[in-house]
Structures are given as C-alpha cells and as structure tokens.
C-alpha cells in the first residue's frame, strides 16, 4: 500500500531529544501505533468473546479438560 504523510504533534522536549539522538521519529511512531493497534484488537476480541471464554472456563471447572483422559503427563 505504501506510505502516507501524517501530521503529529509532539512535546518539544521529546522531539528535540529524538532529533539529538538521531532517532527516526516516523519509524518509532509507526512501531508504537502498530503495537497499540495490536493491543486494542486483542482487547476488543476478548470483549466480544467474553461470553464464550467464560462459558468454556465454567465448563472446564465443572467437567475438567476435554480429552484429559488421553493425556500422558
């Protein structure tokens, strides 16, 4: 898809520190956004699937793990 230009507003000290250290602010911002998006997608998935997660946990608590009789450890 390529790259797009965006505008970001940063704290002046943060921007100056990054510049002084020779850090690539665009790549750092991109990495942070990728990580934040991953965390948010995971949070949303857990929220959307909470009923199934809870139901499975209750089933395991009541009946044990499925196929546990086949475990060798």
Protein backbone atom coordinates (compact mmCIF):
# COMPACT_ATOMS: atom_id res chain seq x y z
CA UNK A 1 0.00 0.00 0.00
CA UNK A 2 2.91 2.35 0.50
CA UNK A 3 3.49 5.12 2.95
CA UNK A 4 1.39 8.21 3.66
CA UNK A 5 2.27 11.52 5.26
CA UNK A 6 0.54 12.45 8.51
CA UNK A 7 0.91 15.30 10.98
CA UNK A 8 1.79 14.56 14.59
CA UNK A 9 2.08 16.93 17.48
CA UNK A 10 4.82 16.02 19.93
CA UNK A 11 6.14 17.53 23.11
CA UNK A 12 9.01 19.82 22.12
CA UNK A 13 11.47 18.17 24.53
CA UNK A 14 10.59 14.71 23.24
CA UNK A 15 11.06 15.79 19.62
CA UNK A 16 14.35 17.55 20.34
CA UNK A 17 15.69 14.59 22.30
CA UNK A 18 14.82 12.19 19.48
CA UNK A 19 16.42 14.51 16.93
CA UNK A 20 19.57 14.92 19.05
CA UNK A 21 19.88 11.16 19.39
CA UNK A 22 19.36 10.63 15.66
CA UNK A 23 16.21 8.62 16.17
CA UNK A 24 13.80 8.16 13.28
CA UNK A 25 10.62 9.60 14.75
CA UNK A 26 8.45 8.35 11.89
CA UNK A 27 9.56 4.74 12.34
CA UNK A 28 9.27 4.97 16.12
CA UNK A 29 5.76 6.41 15.87
CA UNK A 30 4.80 3.72 13.36
CA UNK A 31 6.10 0.95 15.64
CA UNK A 32 4.23 2.38 18.61
CA UNK A 33 1.00 2.65 16.60
CA UNK A 34 1.36 -0.92 15.32
CA UNK A 35 1.78 -2.16 18.90
CA UNK A 36 -1.12 -0.06 20.20
CA UNK A 37 -3.36 -1.37 17.40
CA UNK A 38 -2.40 -4.95 18.28
CA UNK A 39 -3.21 -4.40 21.94
CA UNK A 40 -6.54 -2.76 21.09
CA UNK A 41 -7.53 -5.53 18.62
CA UNK A 42 -6.79 -8.11 21.31
CA UNK A 43 -8.80 -6.18 23.89
CA UNK A 44 -11.76 -5.89 21.52
CA UNK A 45 -11.58 -9.61 20.66
CA UNK A 46 -11.61 -10.54 24.36
CA UNK A 47 -14.53 -8.17 24.96
CA UNK A 48 -16.51 -9.56 22.02
CA UNK A 49 -15.83 -13.16 23.02
CA UNK A 50 -16.11 -12.81 26.79
CA UNK A 51 -19.30 -14.89 26.98
CA UNK A 52 -17.65 -17.83 25.18
CA UNK A 53 -14.46 -17.53 27.24
CA UNK A 54 -16.44 -17.50 30.49
CA UNK A 55 -18.63 -20.38 29.34
CA UNK A 56 -15.63 -22.52 28.45
CA UNK A 57 -13.92 -21.73 31.75
CA UNK A 58 -17.06 -22.78 33.64
CA UNK A 59 -17.30 -25.99 31.61
CA UNK A 60 -13.68 -26.87 32.40
CA UNK A 61 -14.20 -26.03 36.08
CA UNK A 62 -17.20 -28.36 36.25
CA UNK A 63 -16.07 -31.20 33.99
CA UNK A 64 -12.31 -30.89 33.64
CA UNK A 65 -10.39 -30.54 30.43
CA UNK A 66 -11.80 -32.24 27.34
CA UNK A 67 -9.88 -35.40 26.42
CA UNK A 68 -7.88 -35.18 29.65
CA UNK A 69 -8.06 -38.96 29.92
CA UNK A 70 -5.78 -39.14 26.86
CA UNK A 71 -3.02 -37.02 28.42
CA UNK A 72 0.23 -38.81 29.17
CA UNK A 73 1.51 -36.25 31.69
